[in-house]
C-alpha cells in the first residue's frame, strides 16, 4: 500500500473524485501519527497503482507527497 498525503481536505476530496472517475481502488484514511501532514486525511492506494495515481494527480495539478 502507498499513501498520498495532501495539504488540505479540499485536495483530498478532489483526489477522491479523480480516483472514482478513473476506476482506481482507494481508501480515505487518517494520516498516521508518525507521519507529518497539514491535512489529517490521506488517500491509500495499491502500490501497483502508484504511478497511475501520481500521473492523474499531476495532470490535475493537485499537490501531494507519497509515503510508502
N, C-alpha and C. Protein backbone atom coordinates (compact mmCIF):
# COMPACT_ATOMS: atom_id res chain seq x y z
N UNK A 1 0.84 -1.18 0.00
CA UNK A 1 0.00 0.00 0.00
C UNK A 1 0.89 1.25 0.00
N UNK A 2 0.34 2.32 -0.55
CA UNK A 2 1.03 3.60 -0.61
C UNK A 2 0.06 4.68 -0.17
N UNK A 3 0.57 5.67 0.53
CA UNK A 3 -0.26 6.79 0.98
C UNK A 3 0.07 8.04 0.18
N UNK A 4 -0.98 8.75 -0.21
CA UNK A 4 -0.83 10.04 -0.85
C UNK A 4 -1.29 11.08 0.16
N UNK A 5 -0.38 11.97 0.54
CA UNK A 5 -0.64 12.99 1.54
C UNK A 5 -0.89 14.33 0.86
N UNK A 6 -1.82 15.10 1.41
CA UNK A 6 -2.23 16.36 0.80
C UNK A 6 -2.17 17.49 1.82
N UNK A 7 -2.14 18.71 1.32
CA UNK A 7 -2.05 19.89 2.17
C UNK A 7 -3.40 20.32 2.74
N UNK A 8 -4.49 19.87 2.12
CA UNK A 8 -5.80 20.32 2.59
C UNK A 8 -6.85 19.24 2.37
N UNK A 9 -7.93 19.37 3.10
CA UNK A 9 -9.06 18.47 2.92
C UNK A 9 -9.66 18.63 1.53
N UNK A 10 -9.66 19.85 1.02
CA UNK A 10 -10.16 20.11 -0.33
C UNK A 10 -9.39 19.28 -1.36
N UNK A 11 -8.07 19.19 -1.21
CA UNK A 11 -7.26 18.42 -2.14
C UNK A 11 -7.57 16.93 -2.04
N UNK A 12 -7.84 16.44 -0.83
CA UNK A 12 -8.20 15.03 -0.65
C UNK A 12 -9.52 14.74 -1.36
N UNK A 13 -10.49 15.62 -1.22
CA UNK A 13 -11.80 15.43 -1.87
C UNK A 13 -11.65 15.44 -3.38
N UNK A 14 -10.82 16.34 -3.88
CA UNK A 14 -10.59 16.42 -5.32
C UNK A 14 -9.89 15.14 -5.82
N UNK A 15 -8.91 14.65 -5.05
CA UNK A 15 -8.21 13.42 -5.41
C UNK A 15 -9.16 12.23 -5.38
N UNK A 16 -10.05 12.20 -4.41
CA UNK A 16 -11.04 11.12 -4.32
C UNK A 16 -11.94 11.11 -5.55
N UNK A 17 -12.39 12.27 -5.97
CA UNK A 17 -13.24 12.38 -7.16
C UNK A 17 -12.50 11.85 -8.39
N UNK A 18 -11.25 12.21 -8.51
CA UNK A 18 -10.45 11.78 -9.66
C UNK A 18 -10.25 10.27 -9.64
N UNK A 19 -10.00 9.71 -8.47
CA UNK A 19 -9.83 8.25 -8.36
C UNK A 19 -11.12 7.54 -8.77
N UNK A 20 -12.25 8.05 -8.30
CA UNK A 20 -13.55 7.45 -8.66
C UNK A 20 -13.78 7.49 -10.17
N UNK A 21 -13.52 8.64 -10.76
CA UNK A 21 -13.74 8.82 -12.20
C UNK A 21 -12.85 7.90 -13.04
N UNK A 22 -11.70 7.52 -12.48
CA UNK A 22 -10.75 6.69 -13.23
C UNK A 22 -10.75 5.23 -12.80
N UNK A 23 -11.72 4.84 -11.98
CA UNK A 23 -11.86 3.45 -11.59
C UNK A 23 -10.73 2.92 -10.72
N UNK A 24 -10.11 3.80 -9.96
CA UNK A 24 -8.99 3.41 -9.09
C UNK A 24 -9.54 3.03 -7.72
N UNK A 25 -9.10 1.87 -7.22
CA UNK A 25 -9.49 1.45 -5.88
C UNK A 25 -8.62 2.19 -4.87
N UNK A 26 -9.23 2.71 -3.82
CA UNK A 26 -8.53 3.51 -2.83
C UNK A 26 -9.33 3.51 -1.53
N UNK A 27 -8.73 4.06 -0.50
CA UNK A 27 -9.42 4.33 0.77
C UNK A 27 -9.00 5.71 1.24
N UNK A 28 -9.93 6.41 1.85
CA UNK A 28 -9.59 7.65 2.55
C UNK A 28 -9.35 7.25 3.99
N UNK A 29 -8.15 7.53 4.50
CA UNK A 29 -7.82 7.15 5.87
C UNK A 29 -7.16 8.32 6.59
N UNK A 30 -7.21 8.32 7.92
CA UNK A 30 -6.49 9.36 8.67
C UNK A 30 -4.99 9.19 8.46
N UNK A 31 -4.27 10.29 8.47
CA UNK A 31 -2.81 10.23 8.35
C UNK A 31 -2.28 9.65 9.67
N UNK A 32 -1.46 8.61 9.60
CA UNK A 32 -0.89 8.04 10.82
C UNK A 32 -0.11 9.09 11.62
N UNK A 33 -0.14 8.98 12.92
CA UNK A 33 0.52 9.97 13.78
C UNK A 33 2.01 10.08 13.53
N UNK A 34 2.62 9.00 13.07
CA UNK A 34 4.06 9.01 12.82
C UNK A 34 4.44 9.80 11.56
N UNK A 35 3.44 10.21 10.80
CA UNK A 35 3.68 10.95 9.56
C UNK A 35 3.20 12.38 9.75
N UNK A 36 3.97 13.32 9.31
CA UNK A 36 3.60 14.73 9.40
C UNK A 36 2.85 15.16 8.16
N UNK A 37 1.74 15.87 8.33
CA UNK A 37 0.97 16.39 7.20
C UNK A 37 0.10 17.54 7.69
N UNK A 38 -0.15 18.52 6.84
CA UNK A 38 -1.01 19.63 7.20
C UNK A 38 -2.46 19.20 7.25
N UNK A 39 -2.82 18.21 6.47
CA UNK A 39 -4.19 17.71 6.43
C UNK A 39 -4.23 16.39 7.17
N UNK A 40 -5.31 16.13 7.86
CA UNK A 40 -5.41 14.92 8.65
C UNK A 40 -5.87 13.70 7.88
N UNK A 41 -6.14 13.83 6.58
CA UNK A 41 -6.64 12.71 5.79
C UNK A 41 -5.67 12.41 4.64
N UNK A 42 -5.69 11.15 4.19
CA UNK A 42 -4.84 10.75 3.08
C UNK A 42 -5.59 9.75 2.21
N UNK A 43 -5.06 9.53 1.02
CA UNK A 43 -5.61 8.53 0.10
C UNK A 43 -4.65 7.35 0.12
N UNK A 44 -5.18 6.17 0.43
CA UNK A 44 -4.38 4.95 0.43
C UNK A 44 -4.72 4.17 -0.82
N UNK A 45 -3.70 3.82 -1.57
CA UNK A 45 -3.91 3.06 -2.80
C UNK A 45 -2.96 1.87 -2.87
N UNK A 46 -3.21 0.98 -3.81
CA UNK A 46 -2.34 -0.17 -4.02
C UNK A 46 -1.02 0.30 -4.61
N UNK A 47 0.07 -0.28 -4.17
CA UNK A 47 1.40 0.09 -4.66
C UNK A 47 1.51 -0.03 -6.17
N UNK A 48 0.81 -1.02 -6.74
CA UNK A 48 0.86 -1.22 -8.19
C UNK A 48 0.24 -0.06 -8.96
N UNK A 49 -0.60 0.72 -8.31
CA UNK A 49 -1.26 1.86 -8.96
C UNK A 49 -0.59 3.19 -8.66
N UNK A 50 0.52 3.15 -7.95
CA UNK A 50 1.22 4.38 -7.54
C UNK A 50 1.50 5.30 -8.72
N UNK A 51 2.08 4.76 -9.79
CA UNK A 51 2.43 5.60 -10.94
C UNK A 51 1.19 6.15 -11.63
N UNK A 52 0.17 5.33 -11.74
CA UNK A 52 -1.08 5.78 -12.39
C UNK A 52 -1.74 6.90 -11.58
N UNK A 53 -1.83 6.71 -10.27
CA UNK A 53 -2.43 7.73 -9.41
C UNK A 53 -1.60 9.01 -9.48
N UNK A 54 -0.29 8.88 -9.40
CA UNK A 54 0.60 10.05 -9.47
C UNK A 54 0.39 10.83 -10.76
N UNK A 55 0.31 10.11 -11.87
CA UNK A 55 0.13 10.74 -13.18
C UNK A 55 -1.19 11.52 -13.22
N UNK A 56 -2.24 10.91 -12.72
CA UNK A 56 -3.56 11.55 -12.74
C UNK A 56 -3.57 12.79 -11.83
N UNK A 57 -2.96 12.69 -10.66
CA UNK A 57 -2.91 13.84 -9.75
C UNK A 57 -2.07 14.96 -10.35
N UNK A 58 -0.95 14.60 -10.99
CA UNK A 58 -0.09 15.61 -11.63
C UNK A 58 -0.85 16.34 -12.74
N UNK A 59 -1.60 15.59 -13.55
CA UNK A 59 -2.37 16.20 -14.64
C UNK A 59 -3.46 17.12 -14.10
N UNK A 60 -3.91 16.87 -12.89
CA UNK A 60 -4.97 17.67 -12.29
C UNK A 60 -4.42 18.79 -11.40
N UNK A 61 -3.11 18.95 -11.39
CA UNK A 61 -2.45 19.99 -10.60
C UNK A 61 -2.80 19.92 -9.11
N UNK A 62 -2.83 18.71 -8.57
CA UNK A 62 -3.07 18.51 -7.14
C UNK A 62 -1.71 18.21 -6.49
N UNK A 63 -1.32 19.05 -5.53
CA UNK A 63 -0.05 18.84 -4.83
C UNK A 63 -0.21 17.70 -3.83
N UNK A 64 0.80 16.84 -3.78
CA UNK A 64 0.75 15.69 -2.88
C UNK A 64 2.17 15.22 -2.58
N UNK A 65 2.28 14.41 -1.56
CA UNK A 65 3.52 13.71 -1.23
C UNK A 65 3.17 12.24 -1.12
N UNK A 66 4.13 11.41 -1.46
CA UNK A 66 3.93 9.98 -1.39
C UNK A 66 4.67 9.43 -0.17
N UNK A 67 3.99 8.59 0.57
CA UNK A 67 4.59 7.89 1.70
C UNK A 67 4.35 6.40 1.48
N UNK A 68 5.44 5.65 1.38
CA UNK A 68 5.26 4.20 1.17
C UNK A 68 6.11 3.41 2.13
